[in-house]
C-alpha atoms as a PDB file:
ATOM      1  CA  MET A   1     182.937  64.287  -3.417  1.00  0.00           C
ATOM      2  CA  PHE A   2     185.997  63.391  -1.411  1.00  0.00           C
ATOM      3  CA  ALA A   3     189.672  62.829  -2.237  1.00  0.00           C
ATOM      4  CA  VAL A   4     192.517  60.913  -0.642  1.00  0.00           C
ATOM      5  CA  LEU A   5     195.734  62.925  -0.960  1.00  0.00           C
ATOM      6  CA  LYS A   6     199.309  62.297   0.120  1.00  0.00           C
ATOM      7  CA  THR A   7     201.597  64.932   1.628  1.00  0.00           C
ATOM      8  CA  GLY A   8     204.466  64.800   4.098  1.00  0.00           C
ATOM      9  CA  GLY A   9     204.525  60.990   3.955  1.00  0.00           C
ATOM     10  CA  LYS A  10     200.925  60.767   5.235  1.00  0.00           C
ATOM     11  CA  GLN A  11     197.529  60.213   3.588  1.00  0.00           C
ATOM     12  CA  TYR A  12     194.411  62.293   4.277  1.00  0.00           C
ATOM     13  CA  LYS A  13     190.751  61.906   3.257  1.00  0.00           C
ATOM     14  CA  VAL A  14     189.366  65.400   2.563  1.00  0.00           C
ATOM     15  CA  GLN A  15     186.299  67.240   1.264  1.00  0.00           C
ATOM     16  CA  ALA A  16     185.795  70.875   0.261  1.00  0.00           C
ATOM     17  CA  GLY A  17     185.603  73.020   3.393  1.00  0.00           C
ATOM     18  CA  ASP A  18     187.644  70.660   5.608  1.00  0.00           C
ATOM     19  CA  MET A  19     190.311  72.092   7.925  1.00  0.00           C
ATOM     20  CA  LEU A  20     193.491  69.995   7.788  1.00  0.00           C
ATOM     21  CA  ARG A  21     196.792  69.963   9.698  1.00  0.00           C
ATOM     22  CA  VAL A  22     199.676  68.782   7.505  1.00  0.00           C
ATOM     23  CA  GLU A  23     203.473  68.727   7.713  1.00  0.00           C
ATOM     24  CA  ARG A  24     205.007  72.211   7.376  1.00  0.00           C
ATOM     25  CA  ILE A  25     204.534  73.826   3.941  1.00  0.00           C
ATOM     26  CA  ALA A  26     206.720  76.735   2.814  1.00  0.00           C
ATOM     27  CA  ALA A  27     203.841  79.181   2.343  1.00  0.00           C
ATOM     28  CA  SER A  28     202.384  82.135   4.242  1.00  0.00           C
ATOM     29  CA  ALA A  29     198.848  82.545   5.597  1.00  0.00           C
ATOM     30  CA  GLY A  30     196.394  83.482   2.834  1.00  0.00           C
ATOM     31  CA  GLU A  31     198.343  81.823   0.022  1.00  0.00           C
ATOM     32  CA  THR A  32     196.878  79.055  -2.137  1.00  0.00           C
ATOM     33  CA  VAL A  33     198.604  75.676  -2.302  1.00  0.00           C
ATOM     34  CA  GLN A  34     197.857  72.642  -4.419  1.00  0.00           C
ATOM     35  CA  PHE A  35     198.433  68.974  -3.632  1.00  0.00           C
ATOM     36  CA  ASN A  36     198.982  66.973  -6.809  1.00  0.00           C
ATOM     37  CA  GLU A  37     199.495  63.530  -5.232  1.00  0.00           C
ATOM     38  CA  VAL A  38     195.847  62.377  -5.271  1.00  0.00           C
ATOM     39  CA  LEU A  39     195.503  58.639  -4.613  1.00  0.00           C
ATOM     40  CA  MET A  40     191.709  58.345  -4.874  1.00  0.00           C
ATOM     41  CA  LEU A  41     188.616  60.319  -5.855  1.00  0.00           C
ATOM     42  CA  GLY A  42     185.240  59.365  -4.365  1.00  0.00           C
ATOM     43  CA  GLY A  43     181.682  60.235  -5.349  1.00  0.00           C
ATOM     44  CA  ASP A  44     179.317  59.094  -8.115  1.00  0.00           C
ATOM     45  CA  SER A  45     182.180  57.726 -10.217  1.00  0.00           C
ATOM     46  CA  PRO A  46     185.079  56.741  -7.921  1.00  0.00           C
ATOM     47  CA  GLN A  47     188.624  56.619  -9.283  1.00  0.00           C
ATOM     48  CA  VAL A  48     191.668  54.881  -7.818  1.00  0.00           C
ATOM     49  CA  GLY A  49     195.171  55.953  -8.849  1.00  0.00           C
ATOM     50  CA  ALA A  50     198.096  53.757  -9.800  1.00  0.00           C
ATOM     51  CA  PRO A  51     199.518  55.112  -7.541  1.00  0.00           C
ATOM     52  CA  THR A  52     198.189  58.645  -8.274  1.00  0.00           C
ATOM     53  CA  ILE A  53     195.442  59.976 -10.553  1.00  0.00           C
ATOM     54  CA  GLU A  54     196.896  61.922 -13.471  1.00  0.00           C
ATOM     55  CA  GLY A  55     195.558  65.465 -13.729  1.00  0.00           C
ATOM     56  CA  ALA A  56     193.801  65.402 -10.336  1.00  0.00           C
ATOM     57  CA  GLY A  57     194.628  67.834  -7.566  1.00  0.00           C
ATOM     58  CA  VAL A  58     193.377  69.359  -4.324  1.00  0.00           C
ATOM     59  CA  GLN A  59     193.614  73.097  -3.770  1.00  0.00           C
ATOM     60  CA  ALA A  60     193.692  74.624  -0.306  1.00  0.00           C
ATOM     61  CA  GLU A  61     194.200  77.983   1.407  1.00  0.00           C
ATOM     62  CA  VAL A  62     196.895  78.318   4.067  1.00  0.00           C
ATOM     63  CA  VAL A  63     195.239  79.460   7.306  1.00  0.00           C
ATOM     64  CA  ASP A  64     198.232  79.532   9.674  1.00  0.00           C
ATOM     65  CA  GLN A  65     201.628  78.045  10.535  1.00  0.00           C
ATOM     66  CA  ILE A  66     201.218  76.159  13.836  1.00  0.00           C
ATOM     67  CA  LYS A  67     202.872  73.564  16.076  1.00  0.00           C
ATOM     68  CA  GLY A  68     201.498  70.215  17.212  1.00  0.00           C
ATOM     69  CA  GLU A  69     201.046  69.049  20.793  1.00  0.00           C
ATOM     70  CA  LYS A  70     204.175  68.709  22.908  1.00  0.00           C
ATOM     71  CA  VAL A  71     205.644  65.217  23.041  1.00  0.00           C
ATOM     72  CA  ILE A  72     207.869  64.290  26.010  1.00  0.00           C
ATOM     73  CA  HIS A  73     210.832  61.999  25.324  1.00  0.00           C
ATOM     74  CA  PHE A  74     212.319  60.494  28.502  1.00  0.00           C
ATOM     75  CA  VAL A  75     215.510  58.412  28.446  1.00  0.00           C
ATOM     76  CA  LYS A  76     216.999  56.631  31.456  1.00  0.00           C
ATOM     77  CA  ARG A  77     220.325  54.800  31.396  1.00  0.00           C
ATOM     78  CA  ARG A  78     220.827  52.309  34.213  1.00  0.00           C
ATOM     79  CA  ARG A  79     223.835  50.625  35.793  1.00  0.00           C
ATOM     80  CA  LYS A  80     227.100  52.168  34.561  1.00  0.00           C
ATOM     81  CA  HIS A  81     226.003  55.677  33.569  1.00  0.00           C
ATOM     82  CA  SER A  82     222.778  55.978  35.591  1.00  0.00           C
ATOM     83  CA  SER A  83     221.628  59.125  33.803  1.00  0.00           C
ATOM     84  CA  LYS A  84     218.254  60.606  32.933  1.00  0.00           C
ATOM     85  CA  ARG A  85     217.236  62.991  30.185  1.00  0.00           C
ATOM     86  CA  THR A  86     213.873  64.565  29.407  1.00  0.00           C
ATOM     87  CA  LYS A  87     213.337  66.300  26.090  1.00  0.00           C
ATOM     88  CA  GLY A  88     210.215  67.877  24.590  1.00  0.00           C
ATOM     89  CA  HIS A  89     209.262  68.254  20.927  1.00  0.00           C
ATOM     90  CA  ARG A  90     206.502  70.090  19.050  1.00  0.00           C
ATOM     91  CA  GLN A  91     206.129  69.214  15.371  1.00  0.00           C
ATOM     92  CA  LYS A  92     205.877  72.144  12.963  1.00  0.00           C
ATOM     93  CA  LEU A  93     202.569  71.981  11.057  1.00  0.00           C
ATOM     94  CA  THR A  94     200.542  74.014   8.563  1.00  0.00           C
ATOM     95  CA  LEU A  95     196.792  74.537   8.993  1.00  0.00           C
ATOM     96  CA  VAL A  96     195.006  74.586   5.615  1.00  0.00           C
ATOM     97  CA  LYS A  97     191.379  74.818   4.468  1.00  0.00           C
ATOM     98  CA  ILE A  98     190.403  72.647   1.488  1.00  0.00           C
ATOM     99  CA  THR A  99     188.802  74.859  -1.150  1.00  0.00           C
ATOM    100  CA  GLU A 100     188.484  72.693  -4.282  1.00  0.00           C
ATOM    101  CA  ILE A 101     188.916  69.112  -5.478  1.00  0.00           C
ATOM    102  CA  MET A 102     189.980  68.989  -9.138  1.00  0.00           C
ATOM    103  CA  THR A 103     189.280  65.773 -11.028  1.00  0.00           C
ATOM    104  CA  SER A 104     191.292  66.910 -14.063  1.00  0.00           C
ATOM    105  CA  GLY A 105     193.426  69.759 -15.353  1.00  0.00           C
ATOM    106  CA  ALA A 106     195.421  70.172 -12.134  1.00  0.00           C
ATOM    107  CA  ASP A 107     198.694  69.678 -14.012  1.00  0.00           C
ATOM    108  CA  LYS A 108     197.739  72.504 -16.391  1.00  0.00           C
ATOM    109  CA  SER A 109     196.444  74.971 -13.818  1.00  0.00           C
ATOM    110  CA  GLY A 110     199.591  77.091 -13.688  1.00  0.00           C
ATOM    111  CA  VAL A 111     200.683  75.711 -10.346  1.00  0.00           C
ATOM    112  CA  MET A 112     204.393  75.381  -9.742  1.00  0.00           C
ATOM    113  CA  ALA A 113     206.291  72.296  -8.556  1.00  0.00           C
ATOM    114  CA  ALA A 114     206.014  71.389  -4.894  1.00  0.00           C
ATOM    115  CA  ILE A 115     207.716  73.573  -2.299  1.00  0.00           C
ATOM    116  CA  GLY A 116     208.059  71.701   1.012  1.00  0.00           C
ATOM    117  CA  THR A 117     205.125  69.268   1.156  1.00  0.00           C
ATOM    118  CA  GLY A 118     202.716  71.314  -0.977  1.00  0.00           C
ATOM    119  CA  SER A 119     202.941  73.606  -3.952  1.00  0.00           C
ATOM    120  CA  VAL A 120     202.500  77.369  -4.097  1.00  0.00           C
ATOM    121  CA  SER A 121     200.563  78.975  -6.929  1.00  0.00           C
ATOM    122  CA  ALA A 122     202.411  80.891  -9.622  1.00  0.00           C
ATOM    123  CA  ALA A 123     200.580  84.086  -8.618  1.00  0.00           C
ATOM    124  CA  ALA A 124     201.725  83.734  -5.000  1.00  0.00           C
ATOM    125  CA  VAL A 125     205.336  83.164  -6.015  1.00  0.00           C
ATOM    126  CA  ALA A 126     205.131  86.168  -8.356  1.00  0.00           C
ATOM    127  CA  ALA A 127     203.857  88.321  -5.481  1.00  0.00           C
ATOM    128  CA  ILE A 128     206.749  87.229  -3.266  1.00  0.00           C
ATOM    129  CA  SER A 129     209.433  87.729  -5.906  1.00  0.00           C
ATOM    130  CA  GLY A 130     207.936  90.940  -7.321  1.00  0.00           C
ATOM    131  CA  LYS A 131     207.981  89.533 -10.860  1.00  0.00           C
ATOM    132  CA  SER A 132     205.165  88.809 -13.273  1.00  0.00           C
ATOM    133  CA  ALA A 133     203.939  85.216 -13.411  1.00  0.00           C
ATOM    134  CA  ASP A 134     204.226  85.385 -17.206  1.00  0.00           C
ATOM    135  CA  ALA A 135     207.798  86.753 -17.222  1.00  0.00           C
ATOM    136  CA  ALA A 136     210.110  84.877 -19.568  1.00  0.00           C
ATOM    137  CA  PRO A 137     213.032  82.973 -18.056  1.00  0.00           C
ATOM    138  CA  ALA A 138     216.442  84.652 -18.185  1.00  0.00           C
ATOM    139  CA  PRO A 139     218.566  83.711 -21.213  1.00  0.00           C
ATOM    140  CA  LYS A 140     221.263  81.106 -20.650  1.00  0.00           C
ATOM    141  CA  ALA A 141     223.990  83.609 -21.543  1.00  0.00           C
ATOM    142  CA  LYS A 142     222.918  85.949 -18.722  1.00  0.00           C
ATOM    143  CA  LYS A 143     222.789  83.073 -16.232  1.00  0.00           C
ATOM    144  CA  ALA A 144     226.295  81.974 -17.212  1.00  0.00           C
ATOM    145  CA  LYS A 145     227.588  85.540 -16.897  1.00  0.00           C
ATOM    146  CA  ALA A 146     226.022  85.900 -13.429  1.00  0.00           C
ATOM    147  CA  ALA A 147     227.527  82.575 -12.282  1.00  0.00           C
ATOM    148  CA  LYS A 148     230.957  83.662 -13.555  1.00  0.00           C
ATOM    149  CA  ALA A 149     230.670  86.938 -11.640  1.00  0.00           C
ATOM    150  CA  GLU A 150     229.772  85.119  -8.411  1.00  0.00           C
ATOM    151  CA  ALA A 151     232.712  82.677  -8.676  1.00  0.00           C
ATOM    152  CA  PRO A 152     235.459  85.110  -7.437  1.00  0.00           C
ATOM    153  CA  ALA A 153     233.321  86.066  -4.426  1.00  0.00           C
ATOM    154  CA  ALA A 154     232.806  82.407  -3.537  1.00  0.00           C
ATOM    155  CA  GLU A 155     236.563  81.707  -3.804  1.00  0.00           C
ATOM    156  CA  ALA A 156     237.337  84.680  -1.555  1.00  0.00           C
ATOM    157  CA  ALA A 157     234.827  83.429   1.054  1.00  0.00           C
ATOM    158  CA  GLU A 158     236.415  79.967   1.000  1.00  0.00           C
ATOM    159  CA  LYS A 159     239.871  81.474   1.605  1.00  0.00           C
ATOM    160  CA  LYS A 160     238.591  83.545   4.547  1.00  0.00           C
ATOM    161  CA  ALA A 161     236.934  80.555   6.249  1.00  0.00           C
ATOM    162  CA  PRO A 162     240.165  78.670   7.197  1.00  0.00           C
ATOM    163  CA  ALA A 163     241.751  81.909   8.435  1.00  0.00           C
ATOM    164  CA  LYS A 164     238.715  82.541  10.621  1.00  0.00           C
ATOM    165  CA  ALA A 165     238.866  79.004  12.023  1.00  0.00           C
ATOM    166  CA  LYS A 166     242.603  79.316  12.837  1.00  0.00           C
ATOM    167  CA  LYS A 167     242.090  82.641  14.563  1.00  0.00           C
ATOM    168  CA  ALA A 168     239.217  81.207  16.597  1.00  0.00           C
ATOM    169  CA  ALA A 169     241.181  78.093  17.586  1.00  0.00           C
ATOM    170  CA  ALA A 170     244.158  80.129  18.846  1.00  0.00           C
ATOM    171  CA  GLY A 171     242.478  81.412  22.027  1.00  0.00           C
ATOM    172  CA  GLY A 172     239.810  78.768  22.571  1.00  0.00           C
ATOM    173  CA  ASP A 173     239.255  75.610  24.640  1.00  0.00           C
ATOM    174  CA  ASP A 174     239.951  72.036  23.567  1.00  0.00           C
ATOM    175  CA  LEU A 175     236.417  71.122  22.473  1.00  0.00           C
ATOM    176  CA  THR A 176     237.395  67.481  21.951  1.00  0.00           C
ATOM    177  CA  ASN A 177     237.048  67.103  25.740  1.00  0.00           C
ATOM    178  CA  ILE A 178     233.293  67.029  25.117  1.00  0.00           C
ATOM    179  CA  SER A 179     232.172  63.444  24.553  1.00  0.00           C
ATOM    180  CA  GLY A 180     231.004  63.030  20.961  1.00  0.00           C
ATOM    181  CA  VAL A 181     233.039  65.960  19.578  1.00  0.00           C
ATOM    182  CA  GLY A 182     235.899  64.887  17.353  1.00  0.00           C
ATOM    183  CA  PRO A 183     238.467  66.809  15.267  1.00  0.00           C
ATOM    184  CA  VAL A 184     236.128  67.086  12.265  1.00  0.00           C
ATOM    185  CA  ILE A 185     233.296  68.580  14.334  1.00  0.00           C
ATOM    186  CA  VAL A 186     235.752  70.881  16.136  1.00  0.00           C
ATOM    187  CA  LYS A 187     236.881  72.241  12.778  1.00  0.00           C
ATOM    188  CA  LYS A 188     233.268  72.920  11.797  1.00  0.00           C
ATOM    189  CA  LEU A 189     232.511  74.586  15.145  1.00  0.00           C
ATOM    190  CA  HIS A 190     235.568  76.812  14.791  1.00  0.00           C
ATOM    191  CA  GLY A 191     234.315  77.758  11.339  1.00  0.00           C
ATOM    192  CA  GLU A 192     231.107  78.986  13.019  1.00  0.00           C
ATOM    193  CA  GLY A 193     233.099  80.936  15.621  1.00  0.00           C
ATOM    194  CA  VAL A 194     232.448  78.489  18.496  1.00  0.00           C
ATOM    195  CA  THR A 195     235.743  78.002  20.367  1.00  0.00           C
ATOM    196  CA  THR A 196     235.008  77.850  24.113  1.00  0.00           C
ATOM    197  CA  PHE A 197     233.053  75.696  26.559  1.00  0.00           C
ATOM    198  CA  ALA A 198     231.287  78.847  27.804  1.00  0.00           C
ATOM    199  CA  GLN A 199     229.814  79.502  24.354  1.00  0.00           C
ATOM    200  CA  ILE A 200     228.354  75.983  24.138  1.00  0.00           C
ATOM    201  CA  ALA A 201     227.109  76.131  27.749  1.00  0.00           C
ATOM    202  CA  ALA A 202     225.151  79.303  26.903  1.00  0.00           C
ATOM    203  CA  TRP A 203     223.384  77.846  23.836  1.00  0.00           C
ATOM    204  CA  THR A 204     219.598  78.284  23.711  1.00  0.00           C
ATOM    205  CA  ASP A 205     217.171  75.936  21.931  1.00  0.00           C
ATOM    206  CA  ALA A 206     217.326  78.243  18.900  1.00  0.00           C
ATOM    207  CA  ASP A 207     221.139  78.131  18.916  1.00  0.00           C
ATOM    208  CA  VAL A 208     221.104  74.314  19.106  1.00  0.00           C
ATOM    209  CA  GLU A 209     218.645  74.071  16.202  1.00  0.00           C
ATOM    210  CA  ALA A 210     220.736  76.464  14.099  1.00  0.00           C
ATOM    211  CA  ILE A 211     224.075  74.733  14.782  1.00  0.00           C
ATOM    212  CA  GLU A 212     222.609  71.267  14.153  1.00  0.00           C
ATOM    213  CA  GLU A 213     221.226  72.446  10.808  1.00  0.00           C
ATOM    214  CA  LYS A 214     224.582  73.942   9.783  1.00  0.00           C
ATOM    215  CA  LEU A 215     226.621  70.927  10.870  1.00  0.00           C
ATOM    216  CA  SER A 216     224.098  68.317   9.610  1.00  0.00           C
ATOM    217  CA  PHE A 217     223.705  66.224  12.783  1.00  0.00           C
ATOM    218  CA  LYS A 218     220.156  66.872  13.989  1.00  0.00           C
ATOM    219  CA  GLY A 219     219.483  65.832  17.597  1.00  0.00           C
ATOM    220  CA  ARG A 220     223.116  65.065  18.435  1.00  0.00           C
ATOM    221  CA  VAL A 221     223.671  68.028  20.756  1.00  0.00           C
ATOM    222  CA  GLY A 222     220.818  66.947  23.042  1.00  0.00           C
ATOM    223  CA  ARG A 223     221.463  63.228  22.655  1.00  0.00           C
ATOM    224  CA  GLU A 224     225.062  63.538  23.878  1.00  0.00           C
ATOM    225  CA  ASP A 225     224.402  66.340  26.418  1.00  0.00           C
ATOM    226  CA  TRP A 226     226.961  68.758  24.940  1.00  0.00           C
ATOM    227  CA  ILE A 227     225.596  71.706  26.927  1.00  0.00           C
ATOM    228  CA  ALA A 228     225.743  69.887  30.283  1.00  0.00           C
ATOM    229  CA  GLN A 229     229.267  68.658  29.523  1.00  0.00           C
ATOM    230  CA  ALA A 230     230.363  72.159  28.474  1.00  0.00           C
ATOM    231  CA  LYS A 231     229.024  73.648  31.718  1.00  0.00           C
ATOM    232  CA  GLU A 232     231.059  71.174  33.778  1.00  0.00           C
ATOM    233  CA  LEU A 233     234.202  71.746  31.715  1.00  0.00           C
ATOM    234  CA  ALA A 234     233.777  75.527  31.863  1.00  0.00           C
ATOM    235  CA  LYS A 235     233.872  75.336  35.661  1.00  0.00           C
ATOM    236  CA  GLY A 236     237.368  73.919  35.351  1.00  0.00           C
END
């Protein structure tokens, strides 16, 4: 028997025992995940979903968290700017081994809703959180009380953030001199403690990934060559 499943925006034809590389799943090696978006089941009595087959699922064991092959992205601008830029990328993937194809009962198997592109079993989540899989949910009154207790702390953090940004801006460089950095982005960078050209010039790939995630503009730092511009500006 085989199944056609969908995960991470892609479709895969799988059988029990197959090794499969899929888009990154939030699970550790050894955990069991289940894919509930099954588009087709093959075998003696084939089934085709509309678009998915209700109750069907594919269970797999996470083998390892890996990266795909490196892809080189080369950009050349002619005439006015005459610049070149080479950038590499390795897609984050999860290596899984297909263990079972379920034709029915997958939606009643005690598997939680999808995390990332797959779904982690209730037992695995219980092991991570240190709680029993059968533990009853917290009463609404307790949740409301906890949220009320967290509110003052959140307000205090919000008040500290502007003060931190002002303090950072006082002795820093004018980051708007970097092409592509406007007043709004400067304010966000100050909030993260970035105030000088030297700090940006010293960013590593990990720093760039972290700052892009916090400021919600993935790929912009490399696309506009912030680091190269910062190095030039830092020289004076």
